[in-house]
Amino acid sequence: MKTVLMSWQFWALLSATFAALTAIFAKIGIEQIDSDVATFIRTVVILIVLGGILLGSGQWQPPTSISGRTYLFLVLSGLATGASWLCYFRALKLGDAARVAPLDKLSVVFVAILGVLFLGEKLSMPNWIGIALIAAGAVLVAYRA
C-alpha cells in the first residue's frame, strides 16, 4: 500500500477523478449564480481546507523561509490558476460539462509543448503521438454535430 501512495500515477489518477467531479458539481452549482461568484466561493473553500491541512499536519512553513524566486513563480502560477478557473466556470455556465471539460484538458497538450520549449523536457515519438491523440480526442468530444 505504501508503494501506491508514493506513486505519481496514483495521485494523477486521483486528481483526474476529482477534476471530473469538479466539473459535474460546478455545472450543477452554477445554474443560478454568476460564474465569477461561484469561482470565488470555490476559492474560499479551497483556502480553508488547505489551511486546515497545513496546520493539522504540521507542514506550515514560515513565509520568510521561502525564496523570492519561489514566491514569484508561485504567484504567477496562482494568477494563471485563477484565470483558468474563471474561464472554466464561465465556459461551464455557457456550455455542456461533457464538452467543456475535454477542451479544458487541452492543457495537457499545452503543457507538453511548453515543457519541451521552456523546461528542456524530452518526449519520444510515442509521447507525441499520445499528445496528438489527446488533442484530436478533445476536439472531437467537444464537437457539436
N, C-alpha and C. Protein backbone atom coordinates (compact mmCIF):
# COMPACT_ATOMS: atom_id res chain seq x y z
N MET A 1 0.82 -1.20 0.00
CA MET A 1 0.00 0.00 0.00
C MET A 1 0.86 1.26 0.00
N LYS A 2 1.97 1.23 0.74
CA LYS A 2 2.84 2.40 0.81
C LYS A 2 3.39 2.73 -0.58
N THR A 3 3.65 1.71 -1.40
CA THR A 3 4.17 1.94 -2.74
C THR A 3 3.15 2.69 -3.58
N VAL A 4 1.89 2.34 -3.47
CA VAL A 4 0.83 3.01 -4.23
C VAL A 4 0.73 4.47 -3.82
N LEU A 5 0.78 4.76 -2.52
CA LEU A 5 0.67 6.13 -2.04
C LEU A 5 1.86 6.99 -2.44
N MET A 6 2.98 6.38 -2.78
CA MET A 6 4.16 7.12 -3.20
C MET A 6 4.28 7.18 -4.72
N SER A 7 3.27 6.72 -5.43
CA SER A 7 3.28 6.67 -6.88
C SER A 7 2.65 7.92 -7.47
N TRP A 8 3.34 8.57 -8.39
CA TRP A 8 2.77 9.76 -9.03
C TRP A 8 1.55 9.39 -9.86
N GLN A 9 1.53 8.16 -10.40
CA GLN A 9 0.39 7.73 -11.20
C GLN A 9 -0.89 7.67 -10.36
N PHE A 10 -0.78 7.17 -9.13
CA PHE A 10 -1.93 7.11 -8.23
C PHE A 10 -2.50 8.50 -8.00
N TRP A 11 -1.63 9.44 -7.67
CA TRP A 11 -2.07 10.81 -7.37
C TRP A 11 -2.60 11.51 -8.61
N ALA A 12 -2.02 11.23 -9.78
CA ALA A 12 -2.52 11.84 -11.02
C ALA A 12 -3.92 11.32 -11.36
N LEU A 13 -4.15 10.02 -11.16
CA LEU A 13 -5.48 9.47 -11.42
C LEU A 13 -6.50 9.99 -10.41
N LEU A 14 -6.07 10.14 -9.17
CA LEU A 14 -6.95 10.71 -8.16
C LEU A 14 -7.28 12.17 -8.51
N SER A 15 -6.30 12.90 -9.00
CA SER A 15 -6.52 14.27 -9.45
C SER A 15 -7.53 14.31 -10.58
N ALA A 16 -7.40 13.41 -11.54
CA ALA A 16 -8.34 13.35 -12.66
C ALA A 16 -9.75 13.04 -12.18
N THR A 17 -9.85 12.16 -11.20
CA THR A 17 -11.17 11.82 -10.64
C THR A 17 -11.80 13.05 -9.98
N PHE A 18 -11.03 13.75 -9.17
CA PHE A 18 -11.56 14.96 -8.53
C PHE A 18 -11.86 16.06 -9.55
N ALA A 19 -11.04 16.15 -10.60
CA ALA A 19 -11.31 17.14 -11.65
C ALA A 19 -12.64 16.83 -12.34
N ALA A 20 -12.92 15.56 -12.57
CA ALA A 20 -14.20 15.18 -13.17
C ALA A 20 -15.36 15.55 -12.25
N LEU A 21 -15.21 15.26 -10.97
CA LEU A 21 -16.25 15.64 -10.01
C LEU A 21 -16.41 17.16 -9.94
N THR A 22 -15.29 17.88 -10.06
CA THR A 22 -15.34 19.35 -10.06
C THR A 22 -16.25 19.84 -11.18
N ALA A 23 -16.08 19.30 -12.36
CA ALA A 23 -16.90 19.74 -13.50
C ALA A 23 -18.38 19.46 -13.26
N ILE A 24 -18.70 18.28 -12.77
CA ILE A 24 -20.10 17.92 -12.55
C ILE A 24 -20.70 18.77 -11.44
N PHE A 25 -20.01 18.84 -10.29
CA PHE A 25 -20.53 19.63 -9.16
C PHE A 25 -20.65 21.11 -9.54
N ALA A 26 -19.66 21.62 -10.25
CA ALA A 26 -19.68 23.04 -10.63
C ALA A 26 -20.82 23.33 -11.60
N LYS A 27 -21.04 22.45 -12.55
CA LYS A 27 -22.11 22.67 -13.54
C LYS A 27 -23.46 22.75 -12.82
N ILE A 28 -23.67 21.90 -11.84
CA ILE A 28 -24.92 21.94 -11.07
C ILE A 28 -24.94 23.18 -10.19
N GLY A 29 -23.80 23.51 -9.59
CA GLY A 29 -23.74 24.62 -8.64
C GLY A 29 -23.88 26.00 -9.25
N ILE A 30 -23.54 26.15 -10.52
CA ILE A 30 -23.59 27.48 -11.12
C ILE A 30 -24.89 27.77 -11.88
N GLU A 31 -25.85 26.86 -11.76
CA GLU A 31 -27.10 27.04 -12.51
C GLU A 31 -27.78 28.37 -12.23
N GLN A 32 -27.74 28.83 -10.97
CA GLN A 32 -28.48 30.04 -10.62
C GLN A 32 -27.60 31.09 -9.95
N ILE A 33 -26.32 31.11 -10.35
CA ILE A 33 -25.38 32.06 -9.75
C ILE A 33 -24.40 32.51 -10.83
N ASP A 34 -23.84 33.69 -10.68
CA ASP A 34 -22.83 34.18 -11.59
C ASP A 34 -21.58 33.30 -11.50
N SER A 35 -20.97 33.01 -12.62
CA SER A 35 -19.82 32.10 -12.63
C SER A 35 -18.63 32.66 -11.84
N ASP A 36 -18.45 33.98 -11.83
CA ASP A 36 -17.33 34.56 -11.06
C ASP A 36 -17.57 34.43 -9.55
N VAL A 37 -18.83 34.59 -9.12
CA VAL A 37 -19.16 34.39 -7.70
C VAL A 37 -18.93 32.94 -7.32
N ALA A 38 -19.29 32.03 -8.21
CA ALA A 38 -19.08 30.61 -7.96
C ALA A 38 -17.58 30.30 -7.81
N THR A 39 -16.77 30.92 -8.66
CA THR A 39 -15.32 30.73 -8.56
C THR A 39 -14.79 31.25 -7.23
N PHE A 40 -15.31 32.39 -6.80
CA PHE A 40 -14.90 32.96 -5.51
C PHE A 40 -15.24 32.00 -4.36
N ILE A 41 -16.45 31.47 -4.35
CA ILE A 41 -16.87 30.53 -3.29
C ILE A 41 -15.95 29.32 -3.30
N ARG A 42 -15.68 28.78 -4.47
CA ARG A 42 -14.80 27.61 -4.60
C ARG A 42 -13.42 27.93 -4.03
N THR A 43 -12.91 29.11 -4.32
CA THR A 43 -11.58 29.51 -3.86
C THR A 43 -11.53 29.62 -2.34
N VAL A 44 -12.56 30.20 -1.75
CA VAL A 44 -12.63 30.33 -0.28
C VAL A 44 -12.61 28.94 0.36
N VAL A 45 -13.39 28.02 -0.21
CA VAL A 45 -13.43 26.64 0.33
C VAL A 45 -12.03 26.02 0.25
N ILE A 46 -11.36 26.19 -0.87
CA ILE A 46 -10.02 25.62 -1.03
C ILE A 46 -9.05 26.21 -0.01
N LEU A 47 -9.10 27.52 0.19
CA LEU A 47 -8.22 28.16 1.17
C LEU A 47 -8.44 27.61 2.57
N ILE A 48 -9.69 27.47 2.96
CA ILE A 48 -10.00 26.96 4.30
C ILE A 48 -9.52 25.52 4.46
N VAL A 49 -9.81 24.68 3.47
CA VAL A 49 -9.43 23.27 3.56
C VAL A 49 -7.91 23.12 3.58
N LEU A 50 -7.21 23.80 2.68
CA LEU A 50 -5.75 23.70 2.64
C LEU A 50 -5.10 24.27 3.90
N GLY A 51 -5.64 25.39 4.40
CA GLY A 51 -5.13 25.93 5.65
C GLY A 51 -5.25 24.93 6.79
N GLY A 52 -6.40 24.26 6.86
CA GLY A 52 -6.61 23.23 7.88
C GLY A 52 -5.66 22.07 7.73
N ILE A 53 -5.42 21.64 6.49
CA ILE A 53 -4.48 20.54 6.25
C ILE A 53 -3.07 20.92 6.68
N LEU A 54 -2.63 22.12 6.30
CA LEU A 54 -1.27 22.56 6.66
C LEU A 54 -1.09 22.67 8.17
N LEU A 55 -2.07 23.27 8.82
CA LEU A 55 -1.97 23.42 10.28
C LEU A 55 -2.08 22.07 10.98
N GLY A 56 -3.03 21.25 10.55
CA GLY A 56 -3.26 19.95 11.19
C GLY A 56 -2.12 18.97 11.01
N SER A 57 -1.42 19.07 9.89
CA SER A 57 -0.34 18.13 9.62
C SER A 57 1.04 18.67 10.01
N GLY A 58 1.08 19.91 10.46
CA GLY A 58 2.36 20.49 10.87
C GLY A 58 3.27 20.84 9.70
N GLN A 59 2.71 21.01 8.52
CA GLN A 59 3.52 21.31 7.34
C GLN A 59 3.70 22.80 7.09
N TRP A 60 3.10 23.64 7.93
CA TRP A 60 3.19 25.09 7.73
C TRP A 60 4.65 25.53 7.75
N GLN A 61 5.04 26.41 6.83
CA GLN A 61 6.39 26.96 6.77
C GLN A 61 6.31 28.46 7.03
N PRO A 62 7.28 28.99 7.76
CA PRO A 62 7.32 30.45 7.92
C PRO A 62 7.52 31.12 6.56
N PRO A 63 6.76 32.16 6.26
CA PRO A 63 6.90 32.83 4.95
C PRO A 63 8.33 33.30 4.66
N THR A 64 9.09 33.63 5.68
CA THR A 64 10.46 34.10 5.46
C THR A 64 11.41 32.98 5.02
N SER A 65 10.99 31.73 5.15
CA SER A 65 11.85 30.61 4.75
C SER A 65 11.73 30.29 3.26
N ILE A 66 10.90 31.04 2.56
CA ILE A 66 10.65 30.78 1.14
C ILE A 66 11.36 31.85 0.31
N SER A 67 12.07 31.41 -0.74
CA SER A 67 12.86 32.34 -1.56
C SER A 67 11.97 33.24 -2.42
N GLY A 68 12.55 34.37 -2.82
CA GLY A 68 11.85 35.31 -3.69
C GLY A 68 11.49 34.69 -5.02
N ARG A 69 12.38 33.87 -5.57
CA ARG A 69 12.12 33.19 -6.85
C ARG A 69 10.92 32.25 -6.71
N THR A 70 10.89 31.53 -5.60
CA THR A 70 9.77 30.63 -5.37
C THR A 70 8.47 31.41 -5.28
N TYR A 71 8.48 32.51 -4.53
CA TYR A 71 7.28 33.36 -4.44
C TYR A 71 6.85 33.84 -5.82
N LEU A 72 7.81 34.32 -6.61
CA LEU A 72 7.49 34.85 -7.94
C LEU A 72 6.74 33.82 -8.77
N PHE A 73 7.29 32.61 -8.85
CA PHE A 73 6.67 31.60 -9.71
C PHE A 73 5.38 31.04 -9.12
N LEU A 74 5.28 30.99 -7.80
CA LEU A 74 4.01 30.56 -7.20
C LEU A 74 2.92 31.62 -7.37
N VAL A 75 3.30 32.89 -7.31
CA VAL A 75 2.32 33.96 -7.57
C VAL A 75 1.87 33.90 -9.03
N LEU A 76 2.82 33.74 -9.95
CA LEU A 76 2.45 33.60 -11.37
C LEU A 76 1.54 32.39 -11.58
N SER A 77 1.88 31.28 -10.93
CA SER A 77 1.05 30.08 -11.02
C SER A 77 -0.35 30.33 -10.46
N GLY A 78 -0.41 31.04 -9.33
CA GLY A 78 -1.71 31.38 -8.74
C GLY A 78 -2.54 32.25 -9.65
N LEU A 79 -1.90 33.23 -10.30
CA LEU A 79 -2.62 34.08 -11.24
C LEU A 79 -3.14 33.27 -12.43
N ALA A 80 -2.31 32.37 -12.93
CA ALA A 80 -2.74 31.51 -14.04
C ALA A 80 -3.87 30.59 -13.61
N THR A 81 -3.78 30.05 -12.40
CA THR A 81 -4.85 29.19 -11.87
C THR A 81 -6.15 29.97 -11.75
N GLY A 82 -6.07 31.16 -11.19
CA GLY A 82 -7.27 31.98 -11.06
C GLY A 82 -7.90 32.29 -12.40
N ALA A 83 -7.08 32.66 -13.38
CA ALA A 83 -7.60 32.93 -14.72
C ALA A 83 -8.23 31.68 -15.32
N SER A 84 -7.57 30.54 -15.12
CA SER A 84 -8.10 29.27 -15.62
C SER A 84 -9.45 28.96 -15.00
N TRP A 85 -9.56 29.12 -13.69
CA TRP A 85 -10.82 28.83 -13.00
C TRP A 85 -11.94 29.75 -13.46
N LEU A 86 -11.62 31.05 -13.60
CA LEU A 86 -12.64 31.99 -14.07
C LEU A 86 -13.14 31.61 -15.46
N CYS A 87 -12.20 31.28 -16.34
CA CYS A 87 -12.58 30.89 -17.70
C CYS A 87 -13.34 29.56 -17.70
N TYR A 88 -12.91 28.62 -16.89
CA TYR A 88 -13.55 27.30 -16.82
C TYR A 88 -14.99 27.42 -16.34
N PHE A 89 -15.20 28.17 -15.27
CA PHE A 89 -16.55 28.33 -14.74
C PHE A 89 -17.44 29.08 -15.73
N ARG A 90 -16.89 30.08 -16.42
CA ARG A 90 -17.66 30.79 -17.44
C ARG A 90 -18.04 29.83 -18.56
N ALA A 91 -17.10 28.99 -18.99
CA ALA A 91 -17.39 28.01 -20.04
C ALA A 91 -18.46 27.02 -19.57
N LEU A 92 -18.37 26.57 -18.31
CA LEU A 92 -19.40 25.66 -17.78
C LEU A 92 -20.77 26.31 -17.72
N LYS A 93 -20.80 27.58 -17.41
CA LYS A 93 -22.07 28.30 -17.34
C LYS A 93 -22.72 28.34 -18.73
N LEU A 94 -21.89 28.45 -19.76
CA LEU A 94 -22.39 28.60 -21.12
C LEU A 94 -22.54 27.29 -21.89
N GLY A 95 -21.80 26.27 -21.51
CA GLY A 95 -21.77 25.05 -22.30
C GLY A 95 -22.00 23.79 -21.48
N ASP A 96 -22.02 22.68 -22.17
CA ASP A 96 -22.20 21.36 -21.54
C ASP A 96 -20.90 20.92 -20.88
N ALA A 97 -21.00 20.38 -19.67
CA ALA A 97 -19.82 19.90 -18.95
C ALA A 97 -19.07 18.85 -19.78
N ALA A 98 -19.80 18.00 -20.49
CA ALA A 98 -19.18 16.94 -21.29
C ALA A 98 -18.40 17.48 -22.48
N ARG A 99 -18.63 18.72 -22.84
CA ARG A 99 -17.87 19.34 -23.93
C ARG A 99 -16.82 20.32 -23.42
N VAL A 100 -17.13 20.99 -22.32
CA VAL A 100 -16.19 21.96 -21.76
C VAL A 100 -14.95 21.26 -21.20
N ALA A 101 -15.16 20.22 -20.40
CA ALA A 101 -14.04 19.55 -19.73
C ALA A 101 -13.00 19.01 -20.71
N PRO A 102 -13.39 18.37 -21.81
CA PRO A 102 -12.35 17.90 -22.75
C PRO A 102 -11.51 19.03 -23.35
N LEU A 103 -12.14 20.15 -23.69
CA LEU A 103 -11.35 21.27 -24.23
C LEU A 103 -10.42 21.82 -23.16
N ASP A 104 -10.89 21.85 -21.92
CA ASP A 104 -10.03 22.28 -20.81
C ASP A 104 -8.81 21.37 -20.70
N LYS A 105 -8.98 20.11 -21.01
CA LYS A 105 -7.88 19.15 -20.91
C LYS A 105 -6.87 19.30 -22.04
N LEU A 106 -7.14 20.21 -22.98
CA LEU A 106 -6.09 20.54 -23.94
C LEU A 106 -4.88 21.12 -23.23
N SER A 107 -5.06 21.46 -21.95
CA SER A 107 -3.92 21.92 -21.15
C SER A 107 -2.82 20.85 -21.14
N VAL A 108 -3.18 19.59 -21.24
CA VAL A 108 -2.19 18.51 -21.30
C VAL A 108 -1.30 18.70 -22.53
N VAL A 109 -1.92 19.03 -23.65
CA VAL A 109 -1.17 19.26 -24.88
C VAL A 109 -0.28 20.49 -24.72
N PHE A 110 -0.85 21.56 -24.17
CA PHE A 110 -0.09 22.80 -24.00
C PHE A 110 1.09 22.59 -23.03
N VAL A 111 0.88 21.84 -21.96
CA VAL A 111 1.96 21.57 -21.00
C VAL A 111 3.10 20.79 -21.68
N ALA A 112 2.75 19.83 -22.51
CA ALA A 112 3.79 19.05 -23.20
C ALA A 112 4.64 19.96 -24.07
N ILE A 113 3.97 20.82 -24.84
CA ILE A 113 4.70 21.72 -25.73
C ILE A 113 5.55 22.72 -24.93
N LEU A 114 4.95 23.33 -23.92
CA LEU A 114 5.69 24.31 -23.11
C LEU A 114 6.81 23.65 -22.31
N GLY A 115 6.58 22.43 -21.84
CA GLY A 115 7.63 21.70 -21.11
C GLY A 115 8.85 21.45 -21.98
N VAL A 116 8.61 21.12 -23.24
CA VAL A 116 9.72 20.91 -24.18
C VAL A 116 10.41 22.24 -24.49
N LEU A 117 9.61 23.28 -24.77
CA LEU A 117 10.18 24.57 -25.17
C LEU A 117 10.91 25.29 -24.04
N PHE A 118 10.33 25.28 -22.83
CA PHE A 118 10.88 26.11 -21.76
C PHE A 118 11.59 25.35 -20.65
N LEU A 119 11.28 24.08 -20.47
CA LEU A 119 11.89 23.32 -19.39
C LEU A 119 12.93 22.31 -19.89
N GLY A 120 13.05 22.20 -21.20
CA GLY A 120 14.03 21.27 -21.77
C GLY A 120 13.64 19.81 -21.63
N GLU A 121 12.36 19.54 -21.41
CA GLU A 121 11.93 18.15 -21.28
C GLU A 121 11.96 17.46 -22.65
N LYS A 122 12.14 16.18 -22.62
CA LYS A 122 12.24 15.40 -23.86
C LYS A 122 11.05 14.45 -23.93
N LEU A 123 10.43 14.41 -25.11
CA LEU A 123 9.33 13.48 -25.35
C LEU A 123 9.67 12.61 -26.55
N SER A 124 9.35 11.32 -26.45
CA SER A 124 9.63 10.39 -27.54
C SER A 124 8.50 10.44 -28.56
N MET A 125 8.69 9.76 -29.69
CA MET A 125 7.67 9.73 -30.73
C MET A 125 6.34 9.16 -30.19
N PRO A 126 6.36 8.07 -29.41
CA PRO A 126 5.08 7.61 -28.85
C PRO A 126 4.41 8.67 -27.95
N ASN A 127 5.22 9.44 -27.22
CA ASN A 127 4.66 10.52 -26.40
C ASN A 127 3.96 11.55 -27.27
N TRP A 128 4.60 11.96 -28.37
CA TRP A 128 4.00 12.95 -29.26
C TRP A 128 2.74 12.43 -29.93
N ILE A 129 2.74 11.15 -30.26
CA ILE A 129 1.53 10.55 -30.83
C ILE A 129 0.40 10.61 -29.82
N GLY A 130 0.71 10.31 -28.55
CA GLY A 130 -0.29 10.40 -27.50
C GLY A 130 -0.81 11.82 -27.34
N ILE A 131 0.08 12.80 -27.40
CA ILE A 131 -0.32 14.21 -27.31
C ILE A 131 -1.26 14.57 -28.46
N ALA A 132 -0.91 14.12 -29.68
CA ALA A 132 -1.77 14.38 -30.84
C ALA A 132 -3.14 13.72 -30.68
N LEU A 133 -3.16 12.52 -30.13
CA LEU A 133 -4.44 11.83 -29.91
C LEU A 133 -5.28 12.54 -28.84
N ILE A 134 -4.63 13.04 -27.80
CA ILE A 134 -5.35 13.81 -26.79
C ILE A 134 -5.99 15.04 -27.43
N ALA A 135 -5.22 15.74 -28.24
CA ALA A 135 -5.72 16.94 -28.91
C ALA A 135 -6.90 16.58 -29.81
N ALA A 136 -6.74 15.57 -30.61
CA ALA A 136 -7.81 15.16 -31.52
C ALA A 136 -9.05 14.71 -30.74
N GLY A 137 -8.83 13.95 -29.70
CA GLY A 137 -9.95 13.48 -28.89
C GLY A 137 -10.70 14.60 -28.22
N ALA A 138 -9.97 15.57 -27.69
CA ALA A 138 -10.62 16.71 -27.02
C ALA A 138 -11.48 17.48 -28.02
N VAL A 139 -10.95 17.72 -29.20
CA VAL A 139 -11.71 18.45 -30.21
C VAL A 139 -12.94 17.64 -30.66
N LEU A 140 -12.77 16.35 -30.85
CA LEU A 140 -13.90 15.52 -31.28
C LEU A 140 -15.00 15.42 -30.23
N VAL A 141 -14.63 15.32 -28.95
CA VAL A 141 -15.63 15.25 -27.90
C VAL A 141 -16.36 16.59 -27.76
N ALA A 142 -15.64 17.67 -27.97
CA ALA A 142 -16.26 18.99 -27.85
C ALA A 142 -17.10 19.37 -29.07
N TYR A 143 -16.89 18.68 -30.16
CA TYR A 143 -17.60 18.99 -31.41
C TYR A 143 -19.09 18.73 -31.27
N ARG A 144 -19.86 19.66 -31.71
CA ARG A 144 -21.32 19.52 -31.66
C ARG A 144 -21.82 19.34 -33.08
N ALA A 145 -22.40 18.17 -33.36
CA ALA A 145 -22.89 17.88 -34.72
C ALA A 145 -24.25 18.49 -34.97
